[in-house]
C-alpha atoms as a PDB file:
ATOM      1  CA  MET A   1     119.019 118.828 136.292  1.00  0.00           C
ATOM      2  CA  SER A   2     120.344 121.868 137.881  1.00  0.00           C
ATOM      3  CA  GLU A   3     119.511 125.308 136.356  1.00  0.00           C
ATOM      4  CA  LYS A   4     123.138 125.859 135.755  1.00  0.00           C
ATOM      5  CA  ASN A   5     123.254 122.887 133.365  1.00  0.00           C
ATOM      6  CA  GLU A   6     120.112 123.587 131.379  1.00  0.00           C
ATOM      7  CA  ASN A   7     121.467 126.668 130.060  1.00  0.00           C
ATOM      8  CA  VAL A   8     124.957 124.867 128.668  1.00  0.00           C
ATOM      9  CA  TYR A   9     122.354 122.791 126.261  1.00  0.00           C
ATOM     10  CA  ASP A  10     120.334 125.555 124.830  1.00  0.00           C
ATOM     11  CA  LEU A  11     117.779 123.558 122.660  1.00  0.00           C
ATOM     12  CA  SER A  12     116.334 126.792 120.858  1.00  0.00           C
ATOM     13  CA  PHE A  13     118.829 126.345 118.029  1.00  0.00           C
ATOM     14  CA  PHE A  14     116.980 123.317 117.011  1.00  0.00           C
ATOM     15  CA  MET A  15     113.604 124.482 117.373  1.00  0.00           C
ATOM     16  CA  PRO A  16     111.115 124.754 114.176  1.00  0.00           C
ATOM     17  CA  GLY A  17     111.838 127.930 112.287  1.00  0.00           C
ATOM     18  CA  LYS A  18     115.259 128.383 113.615  1.00  0.00           C
ATOM     19  CA  THR A  19     117.159 126.589 111.341  1.00  0.00           C
ATOM     20  CA  ILE A  20     118.754 127.990 108.216  1.00  0.00           C
ATOM     21  CA  GLU A  21     116.990 126.636 105.067  1.00  0.00           C
ATOM     22  CA  ALA A  22     118.839 125.001 102.327  1.00  0.00           C
ATOM     23  CA  GLU A  23     119.896 127.595  99.851  1.00  0.00           C
ATOM     24  CA  GLU A  24     120.014 127.010  96.208  1.00  0.00           C
ATOM     25  CA  ILE A  25     123.290 126.624  94.550  1.00  0.00           C
ATOM     26  CA  LYS A  26     124.507 127.392  90.927  1.00  0.00           C
ATOM     27  CA  VAL A  27     126.834 125.122  89.704  1.00  0.00           C
ATOM     28  CA  PRO A  28     128.258 124.865  85.825  1.00  0.00           C
ATOM     29  CA  ILE A  29     128.074 121.084  84.886  1.00  0.00           C
ATOM     30  CA  SER A  30     129.025 121.254  81.317  1.00  0.00           C
ATOM     31  CA  LYS A  31     130.589 123.790  78.775  1.00  0.00           C
ATOM     32  CA  ARG A  32     128.096 122.232  76.187  1.00  0.00           C
ATOM     33  CA  PHE A  33     125.161 124.290  77.558  1.00  0.00           C
ATOM     34  CA  VAL A  34     125.821 127.878  76.665  1.00  0.00           C
ATOM     35  CA  ASP A  35     123.009 130.858  76.450  1.00  0.00           C
ATOM     36  CA  LYS A  36     122.800 133.226  73.566  1.00  0.00           C
ATOM     37  CA  LYS A  37     125.875 135.264  74.700  1.00  0.00           C
ATOM     38  CA  GLY A  38     128.131 132.186  74.835  1.00  0.00           C
ATOM     39  CA  ASN A  39     127.983 131.958  78.920  1.00  0.00           C
ATOM     40  CA  ILE A  40     127.981 128.776  80.532  1.00  0.00           C
ATOM     41  CA  VAL A  41     124.160 127.620  81.640  1.00  0.00           C
ATOM     42  CA  PRO A  42     124.659 126.809  85.114  1.00  0.00           C
ATOM     43  CA  PHE A  43     122.477 124.060  86.896  1.00  0.00           C
ATOM     44  CA  ILE A  44     120.616 124.801  90.093  1.00  0.00           C
ATOM     45  CA  PHE A  45     120.670 122.851  92.960  1.00  0.00           C
ATOM     46  CA  LYS A  46     118.870 122.620  96.303  1.00  0.00           C
ATOM     47  CA  ALA A  47     119.201 119.868  99.206  1.00  0.00           C
ATOM     48  CA  ILE A  48     116.242 117.523  99.759  1.00  0.00           C
ATOM     49  CA  THR A  49     114.967 116.528 103.244  1.00  0.00           C
ATOM     50  CA  THR A  50     115.844 113.677 105.118  1.00  0.00           C
ATOM     51  CA  GLU A  51     112.236 112.356 104.926  1.00  0.00           C
ATOM     52  CA  ARG A  52     112.496 112.397 101.199  1.00  0.00           C
ATOM     53  CA  ILE A  53     115.800 110.686 100.633  1.00  0.00           C
ATOM     54  CA  ASP A  54     114.201 107.914 103.083  1.00  0.00           C
ATOM     55  CA  GLU A  55     111.160 107.506 100.554  1.00  0.00           C
ATOM     56  CA  LEU A  56     113.861 107.402  97.602  1.00  0.00           C
ATOM     57  CA  GLU A  57     115.834 104.646  99.351  1.00  0.00           C
ATOM     58  CA  LYS A  58     112.364 102.690 100.138  1.00  0.00           C
ATOM     59  CA  GLU A  59     111.590 103.126  96.394  1.00  0.00           C
ATOM     60  CA  THR A  60     115.138 101.817  95.399  1.00  0.00           C
ATOM     61  CA  THR A  61     115.287  98.948  97.616  1.00  0.00           C
ATOM     62  CA  THR A  62     114.147  95.391  96.773  1.00  0.00           C
ATOM     63  CA  TYR A  63     114.225  92.337  99.197  1.00  0.00           C
ATOM     64  CA  LYS A  64     115.996  88.840  98.038  1.00  0.00           C
ATOM     65  CA  ASN A  65     115.690  85.486  99.820  1.00  0.00           C
ATOM     66  CA  VAL A  66     119.399  84.528 100.065  1.00  0.00           C
ATOM     67  CA  LYS A  67     120.174  80.605 100.873  1.00  0.00           C
ATOM     68  CA  GLY A  68     121.467  80.646 104.479  1.00  0.00           C
ATOM     69  CA  ARG A  69     120.930  84.169 105.279  1.00  0.00           C
ATOM     70  CA  GLY A  70     117.047  84.681 104.596  1.00  0.00           C
ATOM     71  CA  ARG A  71     115.300  88.109 103.315  1.00  0.00           C
ATOM     72  CA  VAL A  72     118.126  90.324 102.452  1.00  0.00           C
ATOM     73  CA  LYS A  73     117.889  94.416 101.759  1.00  0.00           C
ATOM     74  CA  ASP A  74     119.080  95.107  98.064  1.00  0.00           C
ATOM     75  CA  LEU A  75     119.711  98.889  97.418  1.00  0.00           C
ATOM     76  CA  ASP A  76     120.061  99.830  94.198  1.00  0.00           C
ATOM     77  CA  SER A  77     122.303 102.741  94.780  1.00  0.00           C
ATOM     78  CA  GLN A  78     123.011 103.893  91.469  1.00  0.00           C
ATOM     79  CA  ARG A  79     119.256 104.326  90.965  1.00  0.00           C
ATOM     80  CA  PHE A  80     118.967 105.666  94.743  1.00  0.00           C
ATOM     81  CA  TYR A  81     121.667 108.788  94.113  1.00  0.00           C
ATOM     82  CA  ALA A  82     120.040 109.413  90.527  1.00  0.00           C
ATOM     83  CA  ARG A  83     116.850 109.840  92.007  1.00  0.00           C
ATOM     84  CA  ILE A  84     118.484 112.110  94.839  1.00  0.00           C
ATOM     85  CA  ALA A  85     120.239 114.122  92.039  1.00  0.00           C
ATOM     86  CA  VAL A  86     116.850 114.430  89.923  1.00  0.00           C
ATOM     87  CA  GLU A  87     114.944 116.007  93.161  1.00  0.00           C
ATOM     88  CA  SER A  88     117.800 118.099  94.007  1.00  0.00           C
ATOM     89  CA  THR A  89     118.232 119.564  90.705  1.00  0.00           C
ATOM     90  CA  VAL A  90     116.015 122.754  90.413  1.00  0.00           C
ATOM     91  CA  TYR A  91     117.151 123.866  86.937  1.00  0.00           C
ATOM     92  CA  PRO A  92     116.936 122.154  84.301  1.00  0.00           C
ATOM     93  CA  ASP A  93     114.051 120.124  86.037  1.00  0.00           C
ATOM     94  CA  PHE A  94     114.485 116.793  84.335  1.00  0.00           C
ATOM     95  CA  ARG A  95     110.896 115.974  85.869  1.00  0.00           C
ATOM     96  CA  SER A  96     109.128 118.492  83.562  1.00  0.00           C
ATOM     97  CA  LYS A  97     106.983 117.220  80.974  1.00  0.00           C
ATOM     98  CA  ASP A  98     108.638 119.190  78.283  1.00  0.00           C
ATOM     99  CA  LEU A  99     111.998 117.575  78.714  1.00  0.00           C
ATOM    100  CA  ARG A 100     110.329 114.148  79.293  1.00  0.00           C
ATOM    101  CA  GLU A 101     108.417 114.604  75.960  1.00  0.00           C
ATOM    102  CA  ALA A 102     111.344 115.977  73.938  1.00  0.00           C
ATOM    103  CA  TYR A 103     113.478 112.954  75.104  1.00  0.00           C
ATOM    104  CA  LYS A 104     110.667 110.555  74.566  1.00  0.00           C
ATOM    105  CA  THR A 105     110.784 108.971  77.915  1.00  0.00           C
ATOM    106  CA  ALA A 106     108.842 109.165  81.303  1.00  0.00           C
ATOM    107  CA  ASP A 107     111.880 108.355  83.419  1.00  0.00           C
ATOM    108  CA  PRO A 108     113.464 111.913  84.884  1.00  0.00           C
ATOM    109  CA  VAL A 109     116.765 109.808  85.475  1.00  0.00           C
ATOM    110  CA  GLU A 110     116.606 108.772  81.718  1.00  0.00           C
ATOM    111  CA  VAL A 111     116.094 112.409  80.647  1.00  0.00           C
ATOM    112  CA  ALA A 112     119.116 113.390  82.974  1.00  0.00           C
ATOM    113  CA  LYS A 113     121.217 110.667  81.230  1.00  0.00           C
ATOM    114  CA  ARG A 114     120.358 111.904  77.722  1.00  0.00           C
ATOM    115  CA  VAL A 115     120.781 115.663  78.688  1.00  0.00           C
ATOM    116  CA  LEU A 116     124.186 114.827  80.279  1.00  0.00           C
ATOM    117  CA  SER A 117     125.377 112.229  77.422  1.00  0.00           C
ATOM    118  CA  VAL A 118     128.897 112.924  77.963  1.00  0.00           C
ATOM    119  CA  GLY A 119     130.068 110.502  80.628  1.00  0.00           C
ATOM    120  CA  GLY A 120     131.709 113.095  82.856  1.00  0.00           C
ATOM    121  CA  GLU A 121     128.856 115.455  82.720  1.00  0.00           C
ATOM    122  CA  TYR A 122     126.527 112.912  84.136  1.00  0.00           C
ATOM    123  CA  ALA A 123     129.160 111.915  86.929  1.00  0.00           C
ATOM    124  CA  ASN A 124     129.689 115.636  87.834  1.00  0.00           C
ATOM    125  CA  TRP A 125     125.793 116.168  88.269  1.00  0.00           C
ATOM    126  CA  LEU A 126     125.848 113.164  90.345  1.00  0.00           C
ATOM    127  CA  ASN A 127     128.511 114.277  92.480  1.00  0.00           C
ATOM    128  CA  LYS A 128     127.555 117.824  92.917  1.00  0.00           C
ATOM    129  CA  ALA A 129     123.979 116.602  94.117  1.00  0.00           C
ATOM    130  CA  ILE A 130     125.224 114.050  96.539  1.00  0.00           C
ATOM    131  CA  GLU A 131     127.566 117.006  97.873  1.00  0.00           C
ATOM    132  CA  ILE A 132     124.764 119.486  98.315  1.00  0.00           C
ATOM    133  CA  ASN A 133     122.953 116.924 100.167  1.00  0.00           C
ATOM    134  CA  GLY A 134     125.476 116.368 102.758  1.00  0.00           C
ATOM    135  CA  PHE A 135     126.676 112.903 101.756  1.00  0.00           C
ATOM    136  CA  GLU A 136     130.394 114.187 100.923  1.00  0.00           C
ATOM    137  CA  ASP A 137     130.735 116.662 104.163  1.00  0.00           C
ATOM    138  CA  GLU A 138     133.852 115.055 105.958  1.00  0.00           C
ATOM    139  CA  LEU A 139     133.212 115.481 109.744  1.00  0.00           C
ATOM    140  CA  GLU A 140     136.740 116.680 110.068  1.00  0.00           C
ATOM    141  CA  ASP A 141     135.526 119.746 107.993  1.00  0.00           C
ATOM    142  CA  LEU A 142     132.480 120.218 109.969  1.00  0.00           C
ATOM    143  CA  GLU A 143     134.485 119.925 113.311  1.00  0.00           C
ATOM    144  CA  GLU A 144     136.944 122.597 112.136  1.00  0.00           C
ATOM    145  CA  GLU A 145     133.975 124.878 111.365  1.00  0.00           C
ATOM    146  CA  VAL A 146     132.468 124.509 114.567  1.00  0.00           C
ATOM    147  CA  LYS A 147     136.093 125.451 116.181  1.00  0.00           C
ATOM    148  CA  ASN A 148     136.284 128.545 114.115  1.00  0.00           C
END
């Protein structure tokens, strides 16, 4: 490869320590959670790593023997996305011992369902966590950002 071409593809942007760390994002999920002054308490989210998402996918995948097709992978997508949401939610921490004991369940996903007991709240929470982890990024939007 000529020296001229090497400069065109600068890999330094992708080296460890050069990427921008995912930031925490505050988002109001429900009007029902207010502080002492009546202000809506926002949830705090932070994207999780690709490696952790891979682990969650493995944990929520089973295999079935299907006649004529052999062993087939079966992802429990609802549980998968709920687990991503739990892990992406910094505050409130649905994994906390206090919340799990208060809601009488060891499962952080069940804690989230009980806290976000109004259907739209739970859906808003899941959607925001999925979006923060880049699953909602439209390639066209990213391409537009690159152009600007």
